[in-house]
Amino acid sequence: MLVRRWLGVGALCLVGLLYYRPLHTYVDTRHTLVERSGQVQNLRAEKRQLERKLADTASDSALVREARRLGLVKPGERLFIVKGIEAWKHAQHTIRRHGG
């Protein structure tokens, strides 16, 4: 009777040892899958954002706008730098408010 119990305990331990590695691998793989799924979602969102940005910059008007922002001019044009615009706007607003 005692031998049977020890054989039963030994068999359970053997089964536990045999199932440990596959179960551990399954849990690790599942965890990795969840992480990768999150990465894929982030990359898809980044791709959509980059595609929108590319579509916005692909137009000629966007290229011209960016060139203007950088201070570039077309051949034959002159670049004028206007200062004090905010003060002028404030003065115009004040004049309009006081009925000038």
Foldseek 3Di string as FASTA:
>chain_A
DVVVVVVVVVVVVVVCVVVVVVVVVVVVVVVVVVVVVVVVVVVVVVVVVVVVVCVQCVDPVNVVVVCVVVVDDDPPDDGDDDPDPVVVVVVVVVCVVVVD
